[in-house]
PDB file of N, CA and C in Angstrom:
ATOM      1  N   MET A   1     -12.238  46.699  40.129  1.00  0.00           N
ATOM      2  CA  MET A   1     -13.589  46.825  40.657  1.00  0.00           C
ATOM      3  C   MET A   1     -14.105  45.459  41.110  1.00  0.00           C
ATOM      4  N   LEU A   2     -13.858  44.467  40.296  1.00  0.00           N
ATOM      5  CA  LEU A   2     -14.343  43.136  40.642  1.00  0.00           C
ATOM      6  C   LEU A   2     -13.664  42.610  41.904  1.00  0.00           C
ATOM      7  N   LEU A   3     -12.386  42.889  42.048  1.00  0.00           N
ATOM      8  CA  LEU A   3     -11.666  42.465  43.249  1.00  0.00           C
ATOM      9  C   LEU A   3     -12.247  43.133  44.486  1.00  0.00           C
ATOM     10  N   ALA A   4     -12.491  44.444  44.406  1.00  0.00           N
ATOM     11  CA  ALA A   4     -13.076  45.161  45.541  1.00  0.00           C
ATOM     12  C   ALA A   4     -14.458  44.604  45.877  1.00  0.00           C
ATOM     13  N   TYR A   5     -15.265  44.336  44.865  1.00  0.00           N
ATOM     14  CA  TYR A   5     -16.602  43.776  45.087  1.00  0.00           C
ATOM     15  C   TYR A   5     -16.499  42.438  45.813  1.00  0.00           C
ATOM     16  N   ASN A   6     -15.607  41.587  45.351  1.00  0.00           N
ATOM     17  CA  ASN A   6     -15.481  40.259  45.963  1.00  0.00           C
ATOM     18  C   ASN A   6     -14.974  40.340  47.405  1.00  0.00           C
ATOM     19  N   ILE A   7     -14.073  41.263  47.678  1.00  0.00           N
ATOM     20  CA  ILE A   7     -13.576  41.422  49.050  1.00  0.00           C
ATOM     21  C   ILE A   7     -14.699  41.911  49.963  1.00  0.00           C
ATOM     22  N   ILE A   8     -15.472  42.871  49.502  1.00  0.00           N
ATOM     23  CA  ILE A   8     -16.588  43.381  50.299  1.00  0.00           C
ATOM     24  C   ILE A   8     -17.618  42.293  50.541  1.00  0.00           C
ATOM     25  N   ARG A   9     -17.949  41.506  49.522  1.00  0.00           N
ATOM     26  CA  ARG A   9     -18.923  40.418  49.703  1.00  0.00           C
ATOM     27  C   ARG A   9     -18.398  39.360  50.663  1.00  0.00           C
ATOM     28  N   ARG A  10     -17.081  39.073  50.605  1.00  0.00           N
ATOM     29  CA  ARG A  10     -16.507  38.090  51.519  1.00  0.00           C
ATOM     30  C   ARG A  10     -16.608  38.571  52.961  1.00  0.00           C
ATOM     31  N   GLU A  11     -16.279  39.837  53.192  1.00  0.00           N
ATOM     32  CA  GLU A  11     -16.379  40.393  54.544  1.00  0.00           C
ATOM     33  C   GLU A  11     -17.827  40.368  55.033  1.00  0.00           C
ATOM     34  N   ALA A  12     -18.758  40.693  54.164  1.00  0.00           N
ATOM     35  CA  ALA A  12     -20.178  40.671  54.529  1.00  0.00           C
ATOM     36  C   ALA A  12     -20.617  39.253  54.863  1.00  0.00           C
ATOM     37  N   SER A  13     -20.148  38.285  54.087  1.00  0.00           N
ATOM     38  CA  SER A  13     -20.507  36.890  54.348  1.00  0.00           C
ATOM     39  C   SER A  13     -19.954  36.418  55.680  1.00  0.00           C
ATOM     40  N   GLN A  14     -18.713  36.782  55.969  1.00  0.00           N
ATOM     41  CA  GLN A  14     -18.114  36.379  57.242  1.00  0.00           C
ATOM     42  C   GLN A  14     -18.826  37.034  58.413  1.00  0.00           C
ATOM     43  N   ALA A  15     -19.218  38.284  58.271  1.00  0.00           N
ATOM     44  CA  ALA A  15     -19.961  38.966  59.335  1.00  0.00           C
ATOM     45  C   ALA A  15     -21.324  38.312  59.531  1.00  0.00           C
ATOM     46  N   ALA A  16     -21.979  37.951  58.446  1.00  0.00           N
ATOM     47  CA  ALA A  16     -23.290  37.312  58.541  1.00  0.00           C
ATOM     48  C   ALA A  16     -23.192  35.988  59.296  1.00  0.00           C
ATOM     49  N   VAL A  17     -22.219  35.181  58.954  1.00  0.00           N
ATOM     50  CA  VAL A  17     -22.045  33.894  59.624  1.00  0.00           C
ATOM     51  C   VAL A  17     -21.722  34.102  61.103  1.00  0.00           C
ATOM     52  N   ALA A  18     -20.898  35.093  61.407  1.00  0.00           N
ATOM     53  CA  ALA A  18     -20.521  35.371  62.806  1.00  0.00           C
ATOM     54  C   ALA A  18     -21.736  35.748  63.642  1.00  0.00           C
ATOM     55  N   PHE A  19     -22.742  36.364  63.020  1.00  0.00           N
ATOM     56  CA  PHE A  19     -23.938  36.793  63.747  1.00  0.00           C
ATOM     57  C   PHE A  19     -25.135  35.884  63.494  1.00  0.00           C
ATOM     58  N   GLY A  20     -24.879  34.701  62.915  1.00  0.00           N
ATOM     59  CA  GLY A  20     -25.943  33.723  62.728  1.00  0.00           C
ATOM     60  C   GLY A  20     -26.974  34.102  61.678  1.00  0.00           C
ATOM     61  N   ARG A  21     -26.568  34.871  60.695  1.00  0.00           N
ATOM     62  CA  ARG A  21     -27.467  35.302  59.629  1.00  0.00           C
ATOM     63  C   ARG A  21     -27.045  34.656  58.323  1.00  0.00           C
ATOM     64  N   SER A  22     -27.921  34.701  57.356  1.00  0.00           N
ATOM     65  CA  SER A  22     -27.602  34.220  56.013  1.00  0.00           C
ATOM     66  C   SER A  22     -26.800  35.292  55.281  1.00  0.00           C
ATOM     67  N   PRO A  23     -25.763  34.917  54.533  1.00  0.00           N
ATOM     68  CA  PRO A  23     -25.005  35.920  53.779  1.00  0.00           C
ATOM     69  C   PRO A  23     -25.861  36.738  52.810  1.00  0.00           C
ATOM     70  N   SER A  24     -26.933  36.154  52.322  1.00  0.00           N
ATOM     71  CA  SER A  24     -27.797  36.892  51.398  1.00  0.00           C
ATOM     72  C   SER A  24     -28.647  37.944  52.120  1.00  0.00           C
ATOM     73  N   ASP A  25     -28.686  37.906  53.458  1.00  0.00           N
ATOM     74  CA  ASP A  25     -29.414  38.919  54.235  1.00  0.00           C
ATOM     75  C   ASP A  25     -28.663  40.246  54.306  1.00  0.00           C
ATOM     76  N   ILE A  26     -27.362  40.199  54.073  1.00  0.00           N
ATOM     77  CA  ILE A  26     -26.518  41.386  54.205  1.00  0.00           C
ATOM     78  C   ILE A  26     -26.474  42.114  52.863  1.00  0.00           C
ATOM     79  N   ARG A  27     -26.818  43.397  52.887  1.00  0.00           N
ATOM     80  CA  ARG A  27     -26.846  44.180  51.651  1.00  0.00           C
ATOM     81  C   ARG A  27     -25.482  44.788  51.368  1.00  0.00           C
ATOM     82  N   PHE A  28     -25.162  44.916  50.092  1.00  0.00           N
ATOM     83  CA  PHE A  28     -23.845  45.348  49.654  1.00  0.00           C
ATOM     84  C   PHE A  28     -23.557  46.809  49.994  1.00  0.00           C
ATOM     85  N   LYS A  29     -24.467  47.692  49.685  1.00  0.00           N
ATOM     86  CA  LYS A  29     -24.201  49.125  49.811  1.00  0.00           C
ATOM     87  C   LYS A  29     -23.875  49.545  51.250  1.00  0.00           C
ATOM     88  N   PRO A  30     -24.638  49.132  52.257  1.00  0.00           N
ATOM     89  CA  PRO A  30     -24.260  49.510  53.626  1.00  0.00           C
ATOM     90  C   PRO A  30     -22.895  48.957  54.047  1.00  0.00           C
ATOM     91  N   VAL A  31     -22.572  47.754  53.600  1.00  0.00           N
ATOM     92  CA  VAL A  31     -21.272  47.173  53.940  1.00  0.00           C
ATOM     93  C   VAL A  31     -20.154  47.972  53.282  1.00  0.00           C
ATOM     94  N   ALA A  32     -20.316  48.318  52.013  1.00  0.00           N
ATOM     95  CA  ALA A  32     -19.308  49.105  51.303  1.00  0.00           C
ATOM     96  C   ALA A  32     -19.124  50.461  51.975  1.00  0.00           C
ATOM     97  N   HIS A  33     -20.210  51.071  52.398  1.00  0.00           N
ATOM     98  CA  HIS A  33     -20.134  52.366  53.077  1.00  0.00           C
ATOM     99  C   HIS A  33     -19.409  52.230  54.415  1.00  0.00           C
ATOM    100  N   TYR A  34     -19.727  51.216  55.177  1.00  0.00           N
ATOM    101  CA  TYR A  34     -19.078  50.987  56.468  1.00  0.00           C
ATOM    102  C   TYR A  34     -17.571  50.803  56.294  1.00  0.00           C
ATOM    103  N   ILE A  35     -17.175  49.990  55.321  1.00  0.00           N
ATOM    104  CA  ILE A  35     -15.752  49.750  55.086  1.00  0.00           C
ATOM    105  C   ILE A  35     -15.057  51.039  54.660  1.00  0.00           C
ATOM    106  N   ALA A  36     -15.694  51.832  53.801  1.00  0.00           N
ATOM    107  CA  ALA A  36     -15.109  53.103  53.362  1.00  0.00           C
ATOM    108  C   ALA A  36     -14.901  54.049  54.537  1.00  0.00           C
ATOM    109  N   VAL A  37     -15.871  54.127  55.423  1.00  0.00           N
ATOM    110  CA  VAL A  37     -15.751  54.988  56.599  1.00  0.00           C
ATOM    111  C   VAL A  37     -14.627  54.500  57.508  1.00  0.00           C
ATOM    112  N   GLN A  38     -14.531  53.199  57.700  1.00  0.00           N
ATOM    113  CA  GLN A  38     -13.473  52.657  58.552  1.00  0.00           C
ATOM    114  C   GLN A  38     -12.095  52.930  57.975  1.00  0.00           C
ATOM    115  N   LEU A  39     -11.953  52.877  56.653  1.00  0.00           N
ATOM    116  CA  LEU A  39     -10.671  53.193  56.029  1.00  0.00           C
ATOM    117  C   LEU A  39     -10.292  54.649  56.262  1.00  0.00           C
ATOM    118  N   ILE A  40     -11.266  55.547  56.198  1.00  0.00           N
ATOM    119  CA  ILE A  40     -11.012  56.960  56.452  1.00  0.00           C
ATOM    120  C   ILE A  40     -10.600  57.177  57.903  1.00  0.00           C
ATOM    121  N   VAL A  41     -11.293  56.521  58.814  1.00  0.00           N
ATOM    122  CA  VAL A  41     -10.972  56.647  60.242  1.00  0.00           C
ATOM    123  C   VAL A  41      -9.566  56.120  60.519  1.00  0.00           C
ATOM    124  N   MET A  42      -9.232  54.979  59.947  1.00  0.00           N
ATOM    125  CA  MET A  42      -7.894  54.409  60.163  1.00  0.00           C
ATOM    126  C   MET A  42      -6.812  55.299  59.578  1.00  0.00           C
ATOM    127  N   ALA A  43      -7.084  55.934  58.446  1.00  0.00           N
ATOM    128  CA  ALA A  43      -6.100  56.822  57.824  1.00  0.00           C
ATOM    129  C   ALA A  43      -5.862  58.055  58.680  1.00  0.00           C
ATOM    130  N   ALA A  44      -6.875  58.498  59.401  1.00  0.00           N
ATOM    131  CA  ALA A  44      -6.757  59.702  60.227  1.00  0.00           C
ATOM    132  C   ALA A  44      -6.165  59.417  61.612  1.00  0.00           C
ATOM    133  N   ALA A  45      -6.074  58.157  61.970  1.00  0.00           N
ATOM    134  CA  ALA A  45      -5.570  57.795  63.300  1.00  0.00           C
ATOM    135  C   ALA A  45      -4.071  58.061  63.388  1.00  0.00           C
ATOM    136  N   ASN A  46      -3.624  58.401  64.581  1.00  0.00           N
ATOM    137  CA  ASN A  46      -2.200  58.630  64.810  1.00  0.00           C
ATOM    138  C   ASN A  46      -1.476  57.301  64.951  1.00  0.00           C
ATOM    139  N   PRO A  47      -0.395  57.130  64.186  1.00  0.00           N
ATOM    140  CA  PRO A  47       0.370  55.895  64.370  1.00  0.00           C
ATOM    141  C   PRO A  47       1.109  55.912  65.706  1.00  0.00           C
ATOM    142  N   ILE A  48       1.246  54.773  66.271  1.00  0.00           N
ATOM    143  CA  ILE A  48       1.935  54.673  67.572  1.00  0.00           C
ATOM    144  C   ILE A  48       3.405  54.418  67.358  1.00  0.00           C
TER     145      ILE A  48
END
Protein backbone atom coordinates (compact mmCIF):
# COMPACT_ATOMS: atom_id res chain seq x y z
CA MET A 1 0.00 0.00 0.00
CA LEU A 2 2.77 2.39 0.89
CA LEU A 3 4.57 1.70 -2.38
CA ALA A 4 1.40 2.38 -4.38
CA TYR A 5 0.80 5.61 -2.43
CA ASN A 6 4.33 6.83 -3.08
CA ILE A 7 4.14 6.02 -6.80
CA ILE A 8 0.84 7.88 -7.14
CA ARG A 9 2.21 10.91 -5.24
CA ARG A 10 5.34 10.92 -7.42
CA GLU A 11 3.26 10.90 -10.61
CA ALA A 12 1.06 13.69 -9.23
CA SER A 13 4.14 15.73 -8.33
CA GLN A 14 5.64 15.30 -11.78
CA ALA A 15 2.36 16.29 -13.43
CA ALA A 16 2.10 19.36 -11.19
CA VAL A 17 5.60 20.51 -12.09
CA ALA A 18 4.94 19.89 -15.81
CA PHE A 19 1.91 22.20 -15.63
CA GLY A 20 3.56 24.85 -13.45
CA ARG A 21 1.60 24.01 -10.31
CA SER A 22 2.67 23.19 -6.78
CA PRO A 23 2.68 19.46 -5.98
CA SER A 24 0.55 20.18 -2.92
CA ASP A 25 -2.18 21.56 -5.24
CA ILE A 26 -2.80 18.10 -6.69
CA ARG A 27 -5.21 15.95 -4.69
CA PHE A 28 -4.54 12.26 -4.17
CA LYS A 29 -7.96 10.74 -4.79
CA PRO A 30 -8.54 12.13 -8.32
CA VAL A 31 -5.03 11.09 -9.34
CA ALA A 32 -5.51 7.57 -7.97
CA HIS A 33 -8.83 7.31 -9.82
CA TYR A 34 -7.30 8.54 -13.09
CA ILE A 35 -4.45 6.02 -12.86
CA ALA A 36 -6.89 3.18 -12.07
CA VAL A 37 -9.02 4.05 -15.09
CA GLN A 38 -5.96 4.22 -17.35
CA LEU A 39 -4.83 0.78 -16.17
CA ILE A 40 -8.25 -0.64 -17.04
CA VAL A 41 -8.18 1.01 -20.47
CA MET A 42 -4.68 -0.30 -21.18
CA ALA A 43 -5.68 -3.81 -20.10
CA ALA A 44 -8.62 -3.76 -22.52
CA ALA A 45 -6.56 -2.50 -25.46
CA ASN A 46 -5.62 -4.91 -28.23
CA PRO A 47 -1.93 -5.72 -28.34
CA ILE A 48 -0.27 -5.04 -31.65
